[in-house]
Amino acid sequence: MIEVKAPAKINLTLRILGKRQDGFHEIETLIVPIELEDRLAVEEAEAWSFTCDDPTVPGDDGNLVVRAAKLFFAETGVEGKMRIRLEKAVPHGAGLGGGSSDAAATLRMLDAFYGTRLPKERLMRIAAKLGSDVPVFMEGRAAWCRGRGEILEPADFPARLPILLLKPGFGVPTPWAYQRWKDSRELEGVRYGAQEFPWGRLENDLERPVFEKYLVLAAMKEWLREQPETAGALMSGSGSTMIAALREPWMGEALGARAKATFGPDLWTCETVAGNI
């Protein structure tokens, strides 16, 4: 048996530069891994199978783990007689890259399990076929991602940034958020401008279309920015997770409790750290 970790990520900066001829958007984003992670394991079996401890996670080709495994088999000619188990901690539809990280972890895990020792460049090409943000998870460190998200440049991110994540009980479809970006408008009273810090900049162009529909996320960002524990706040990726950059690591518990009292007890919260892990 081989076990691997699949860390989630946050987008500290996400700028959309325009629409590409291939239908995708040209972006520039700083992606930083966080200590929240899924776990995967693979072991020998008589036939290929996939299980997950979260019953809401699809077990077919709608799951990037399944697609990654099938693509690995197709690319290598390996006969997939094994069982993959996924333990979920990263919520899906959250803008935290859980599915993409699981896909990258699956490729690394199967390469080790079968001893195929694929060159890094080939693994990255396979990863890119699964999604624009899968390759960054092959590196496991902070990176600037450009193009569709597949052009990577390692980022110098020395900080160990304490953060609190907050997610309401709904997700935001990423394709929808991008499709709405061009025609979206800013809401009155919401601060969209860049927040500058010694360790980087908080800015997310997808807040504009997402906040137009999901008003509670806009309210959550403004509420977070008013709290004494918070140095800065923004939405991660296409949402629906909101990020609070904490002034001190120990401040997350009190802030999370107050957030649940304000936005409802079903609000998911997670204290974690962003940085190269």
Protein backbone atom coordinates (compact mmCIF):
# COMPACT_ATOMS: atom_id res chain seq x y z
CA MET A 1 0.00 0.00 0.00
CA ILE A 2 1.09 3.56 -0.74
CA GLU A 3 -0.46 6.59 0.95
CA VAL A 4 -0.09 10.22 -0.18
CA LYS A 5 -1.33 13.63 0.92
CA ALA A 6 -3.22 16.06 -1.32
CA PRO A 7 -2.94 19.59 0.14
CA ALA A 8 -5.51 22.24 -0.73
CA LYS A 9 -4.62 25.72 -1.96
CA ILE A 10 -5.74 29.30 -1.79
CA ASN A 11 -5.48 32.04 -4.41
CA LEU A 12 -3.96 35.11 -2.78
CA THR A 13 -4.07 37.00 -6.09
CA LEU A 14 -6.28 36.22 -9.08
CA ARG A 15 -6.38 38.62 -12.02
CA ILE A 16 -8.27 37.96 -15.25
CA LEU A 17 -6.50 39.55 -18.21
CA GLY A 18 -9.08 38.77 -20.88
CA LYS A 19 -10.79 36.08 -22.94
CA ARG A 20 -8.61 33.81 -25.10
CA GLN A 21 -9.39 32.56 -28.60
CA ASP A 22 -9.64 29.00 -27.26
CA GLY A 23 -12.54 30.02 -25.02
CA PHE A 24 -10.56 30.04 -21.79
CA HIS A 25 -9.54 33.15 -19.87
CA GLU A 26 -6.00 34.48 -19.61
CA ILE A 27 -5.19 34.69 -15.91
CA GLU A 28 -2.42 35.54 -13.50
CA THR A 29 -2.79 33.99 -10.07
CA LEU A 30 -0.63 33.32 -7.03
CA ILE A 31 -1.50 29.89 -5.66
CA VAL A 32 -0.22 28.94 -2.22
CA PRO A 33 -0.66 25.49 -0.64
CA ILE A 34 -2.23 25.17 2.79
CA GLU A 35 -2.01 22.56 5.53
CA LEU A 36 -5.58 21.37 4.99
CA GLU A 37 -5.33 18.14 2.98
CA ASP A 38 -7.08 15.09 1.62
CA ARG A 39 -5.44 11.67 1.86
CA LEU A 40 -5.28 8.92 -0.74
CA ALA A 41 -4.15 5.32 -0.57
CA VAL A 42 -3.69 2.62 -3.20
CA GLU A 43 -3.35 -1.13 -2.71
CA GLU A 44 -3.39 -4.20 -4.88
CA ALA A 45 -6.76 -5.73 -5.76
CA GLU A 46 -8.23 -8.14 -8.30
CA ALA A 47 -9.89 -5.30 -10.19
CA TRP A 48 -9.89 -1.51 -10.33
CA SER A 49 -12.13 0.27 -7.81
CA PHE A 50 -12.48 3.62 -6.08
CA THR A 51 -14.02 4.46 -2.70
CA CYS A 52 -14.42 7.68 -0.74
CA ASP A 53 -15.48 8.35 2.84
CA ASP A 54 -17.65 11.28 1.67
CA PRO A 55 -20.88 9.93 0.11
CA THR A 56 -21.50 13.21 -1.73
CA VAL A 57 -18.34 12.75 -3.80
CA PRO A 58 -19.03 11.09 -7.18
CA GLY A 59 -17.44 7.72 -7.78
CA ASP A 60 -17.47 7.85 -11.58
CA ASP A 61 -15.77 10.00 -14.21
CA GLY A 62 -17.20 13.07 -12.49
CA ASN A 63 -14.41 12.59 -9.97
CA LEU A 64 -10.92 13.77 -10.92
CA VAL A 65 -9.31 10.85 -9.06
CA VAL A 66 -11.12 8.39 -11.31
CA ARG A 67 -10.26 10.40 -14.42
CA ALA A 68 -6.62 10.71 -13.36
CA ALA A 69 -6.33 6.97 -12.78
CA LYS A 70 -7.90 6.10 -16.14
CA LEU A 71 -5.69 8.60 -17.95
CA PHE A 72 -2.61 7.16 -16.21
CA PHE A 73 -3.60 3.65 -17.36
CA ALA A 74 -4.12 4.90 -20.92
CA GLU A 75 -0.81 6.77 -21.01
CA THR A 76 1.30 3.97 -19.55
CA GLY A 77 -0.47 0.80 -20.65
CA VAL A 78 -0.62 -0.36 -17.05
CA GLU A 79 -3.48 -2.73 -16.23
CA GLY A 80 -5.25 -1.12 -13.31
CA LYS A 81 -5.75 -3.93 -10.83
CA MET A 82 -5.84 -1.93 -7.61
CA ARG A 83 -8.08 -0.10 -5.20
CA ILE A 84 -7.88 3.65 -4.50
CA ARG A 85 -9.30 5.05 -1.26
CA LEU A 86 -9.89 8.78 -0.81
CA GLU A 87 -10.39 10.43 2.59
CA LYS A 88 -11.86 13.91 2.13
CA ALA A 89 -11.14 16.87 4.37
CA VAL A 90 -11.20 19.60 1.71
CA PRO A 91 -14.79 20.61 0.88
CA HIS A 92 -15.69 20.50 -2.81
CA GLY A 93 -17.07 23.50 -4.69
CA ALA A 94 -15.03 25.65 -2.35
CA GLY A 95 -12.36 27.25 -4.55
CA LEU A 96 -9.67 25.35 -2.63
CA GLY A 97 -8.58 23.03 -5.45
CA GLY A 98 -9.43 19.83 -3.62
CA GLY A 99 -10.32 17.86 -6.74
CA SER A 100 -7.32 19.09 -8.70
CA SER A 101 -4.98 18.29 -5.83
CA ASP A 102 -6.50 14.81 -5.55
CA ALA A 103 -5.87 14.29 -9.28
CA ALA A 104 -2.22 15.35 -9.01
CA ALA A 105 -1.74 13.14 -5.94
CA THR A 106 -3.27 10.22 -7.83
CA LEU A 107 -0.74 10.58 -10.66
CA ARG A 108 2.20 10.76 -8.23
CA MET A 109 0.86 7.83 -6.22
CA LEU A 110 0.29 5.54 -9.21
CA ASP A 111 3.69 6.40 -10.67
CA ALA A 112 5.28 5.26 -7.40
CA PHE A 113 2.95 2.25 -6.96
CA TYR A 114 3.70 0.80 -10.39
CA GLY A 115 7.33 1.94 -10.52
CA THR A 116 6.82 3.59 -13.91
CA ARG A 117 9.14 6.50 -13.00
CA LEU A 118 7.69 8.82 -15.60
CA PRO A 119 9.78 11.96 -16.27
CA LYS A 120 8.50 15.06 -14.54
CA GLU A 121 7.72 16.71 -17.88
CA ARG A 122 5.50 13.81 -18.95
CA LEU A 123 3.64 13.77 -15.63
CA MET A 124 3.03 17.49 -15.99
CA ARG A 125 1.63 16.99 -19.51
CA ILE A 126 -0.73 14.30 -18.22
CA ALA A 127 -1.76 16.59 -15.36
CA ALA A 128 -2.55 19.43 -17.77
CA LYS A 129 -4.97 17.17 -19.66
CA LEU A 130 -7.01 16.83 -16.47
CA GLY A 131 -7.39 20.55 -15.82
CA SER A 132 -5.59 23.88 -15.99
CA ASP A 133 -4.82 23.99 -12.27
CA VAL A 134 -3.77 20.34 -11.81
CA PRO A 135 -0.09 20.90 -12.78
CA VAL A 136 0.54 23.36 -9.93
CA PHE A 137 -0.30 20.61 -7.45
CA MET A 138 2.42 18.41 -8.96
CA GLU A 139 4.96 20.90 -7.59
CA GLY A 140 3.57 21.20 -4.05
CA ARG A 141 4.76 24.76 -3.54
CA ALA A 142 3.65 28.35 -4.09
CA ALA A 143 3.60 29.39 -7.73
CA TRP A 144 2.46 32.09 -10.10
CA CYS A 145 0.19 30.50 -12.69
CA ARG A 146 -0.41 32.20 -16.03
CA GLY A 147 -2.02 31.40 -19.37
CA ARG A 148 -5.03 29.19 -18.59
CA GLY A 149 -3.27 28.43 -15.31
CA GLU A 150 -0.92 25.81 -16.77
CA ILE A 151 2.19 28.05 -17.12
CA LEU A 152 3.98 27.84 -13.77
CA GLU A 153 6.63 30.00 -12.18
CA PRO A 154 7.75 29.05 -8.65
CA ALA A 155 7.02 31.87 -6.21
CA ASP A 156 9.18 32.99 -3.34
CA PHE A 157 6.70 32.88 -0.47
CA PRO A 158 8.70 32.70 2.76
CA ALA A 159 5.77 33.51 5.02
CA ARG A 160 3.90 30.99 7.15
CA LEU A 161 0.62 32.84 6.92
CA PRO A 162 -2.04 31.94 9.53
CA ILE A 163 -5.50 31.96 7.99
CA LEU A 164 -9.08 31.12 8.83
CA LEU A 165 -11.25 29.62 6.09
CA LEU A 166 -15.02 30.08 6.11
CA LYS A 167 -17.43 28.35 3.72
CA PRO A 168 -21.24 28.53 3.69
CA GLY A 169 -23.28 25.48 2.79
CA PHE A 170 -23.12 25.97 -0.98
CA GLY A 171 -20.48 25.88 -3.69
CA VAL A 172 -19.88 28.08 -6.72
CA PRO A 173 -19.41 26.48 -10.18
CA THR A 174 -16.08 27.70 -11.54
CA PRO A 175 -17.13 27.83 -15.25
CA TRP A 176 -20.16 29.95 -14.31
CA ALA A 177 -18.00 32.46 -12.40
CA TYR A 178 -15.67 32.95 -15.37
CA GLN A 179 -18.56 33.24 -17.83
CA ARG A 180 -20.12 36.03 -15.75
CA TRP A 181 -16.89 37.97 -15.21
CA LYS A 182 -16.97 40.27 -18.25
CA ASP A 183 -20.47 41.65 -17.72
CA SER A 184 -20.42 41.79 -13.91
CA ARG A 185 -20.48 44.96 -11.84
CA GLU A 186 -19.17 45.97 -8.45
CA LEU A 187 -21.61 46.16 -5.54
CA GLU A 188 -21.88 49.40 -3.66
CA GLY A 189 -20.17 49.30 -0.27
CA VAL A 190 -17.90 46.34 -1.09
CA ARG A 191 -14.15 46.91 -1.20
CA TYR A 192 -12.66 45.09 -4.21
CA GLY A 193 -9.29 46.83 -4.39
CA ALA A 194 -5.96 45.13 -3.74
CA GLN A 195 -4.87 44.76 -0.11
CA GLU A 196 -1.09 45.12 0.15
CA PHE A 197 1.07 43.29 2.71
CA PRO A 198 4.81 42.59 3.13
CA TRP A 199 4.20 38.98 2.05
CA GLY A 200 2.06 39.83 -1.01
CA ARG A 201 -1.23 41.18 -2.29
CA LEU A 202 -4.82 40.05 -1.78
CA GLU A 203 -6.91 40.58 -4.92
CA ASN A 204 -9.50 38.49 -6.74
CA ASP A 205 -11.25 39.56 -9.96
CA LEU A 206 -13.82 36.77 -9.61
CA GLU A 207 -15.29 38.41 -6.51
CA ARG A 208 -17.18 40.77 -8.81
CA PRO A 209 -19.37 38.18 -10.62
CA VAL A 210 -19.69 35.87 -7.62
CA PHE A 211 -20.70 38.60 -5.17
CA GLU A 212 -23.42 39.80 -7.56
CA LYS A 213 -25.29 36.52 -7.12
CA TYR A 214 -24.12 35.35 -3.70
CA LEU A 215 -24.62 38.46 -1.60
CA VAL A 216 -23.76 36.65 1.63
CA LEU A 217 -20.18 36.22 0.41
CA ALA A 218 -19.83 39.95 -0.13
CA ALA A 219 -21.27 40.56 3.35
CA MET A 220 -18.88 38.00 4.81
CA LYS A 221 -15.84 39.66 3.26
CA GLU A 222 -16.79 43.10 4.59
CA TRP A 223 -17.60 41.64 8.00
CA LEU A 224 -14.22 39.89 8.14
CA ARG A 225 -12.35 43.05 7.23
CA GLU A 226 -13.95 44.83 10.19
CA GLN A 227 -12.89 42.21 12.75
CA PRO A 228 -9.88 42.98 14.98
CA GLU A 229 -8.27 39.56 14.32
CA THR A 230 -8.24 40.05 10.54
CA ALA A 231 -5.40 41.69 8.60
CA GLY A 232 -7.11 41.15 5.24
CA ALA A 233 -9.88 39.09 3.64
CA LEU A 234 -10.96 37.87 0.21
CA MET A 235 -12.59 35.02 -1.66
CA SER A 236 -10.42 32.08 -2.74
CA GLY A 237 -10.57 31.25 -6.44
CA SER A 238 -14.18 31.13 -7.64
CA GLY A 239 -15.46 30.61 -4.10
CA SER A 240 -17.37 29.89 -2.06
CA THR A 241 -14.61 29.86 0.59
CA MET A 242 -13.64 33.15 2.18
CA ILE A 243 -10.13 33.68 3.55
CA ALA A 244 -9.25 35.72 6.61
CA ALA A 245 -5.52 36.48 6.96
CA LEU A 246 -5.00 36.51 10.72
CA ARG A 247 -2.87 38.99 12.63
CA GLU A 248 -1.76 36.20 15.00
CA PRO A 249 -2.02 32.40 14.69
CA TRP A 250 -4.05 32.02 17.90
CA MET A 251 -6.83 34.39 16.78
CA GLY A 252 -8.69 31.95 14.50
CA GLU A 253 -10.77 30.14 17.11
CA ALA A 254 -12.49 33.24 18.49
CA LEU A 255 -13.04 34.67 15.01
CA GLY A 256 -14.52 31.40 13.75
CA ALA A 257 -16.92 31.17 16.69
CA ARG A 258 -18.08 34.75 16.12
CA ALA A 259 -18.50 34.09 12.39
CA LYS A 260 -20.78 31.12 13.12
CA ALA A 261 -22.82 33.24 15.52
CA THR A 262 -23.19 35.86 12.77
CA PHE A 263 -23.69 33.74 9.63
CA GLY A 264 -25.18 30.55 11.08
CA PRO A 265 -23.99 27.40 12.88
CA ASP A 266 -23.70 25.44 9.62
CA LEU A 267 -20.83 27.66 8.45
CA TRP A 268 -17.72 25.51 7.88
CA THR A 269 -14.56 26.97 9.40
CA CYS A 270 -10.97 25.79 9.39
CA GLU A 271 -7.86 27.27 11.03
CA THR A 272 -4.78 26.50 8.95
CA VAL A 273 -1.53 27.88 7.56
CA ALA A 274 -0.60 28.94 4.03
CA GLY A 275 2.95 28.58 2.74
CA ASN A 276 5.33 26.11 1.15
CA ILE A 277 4.71 22.84 2.98
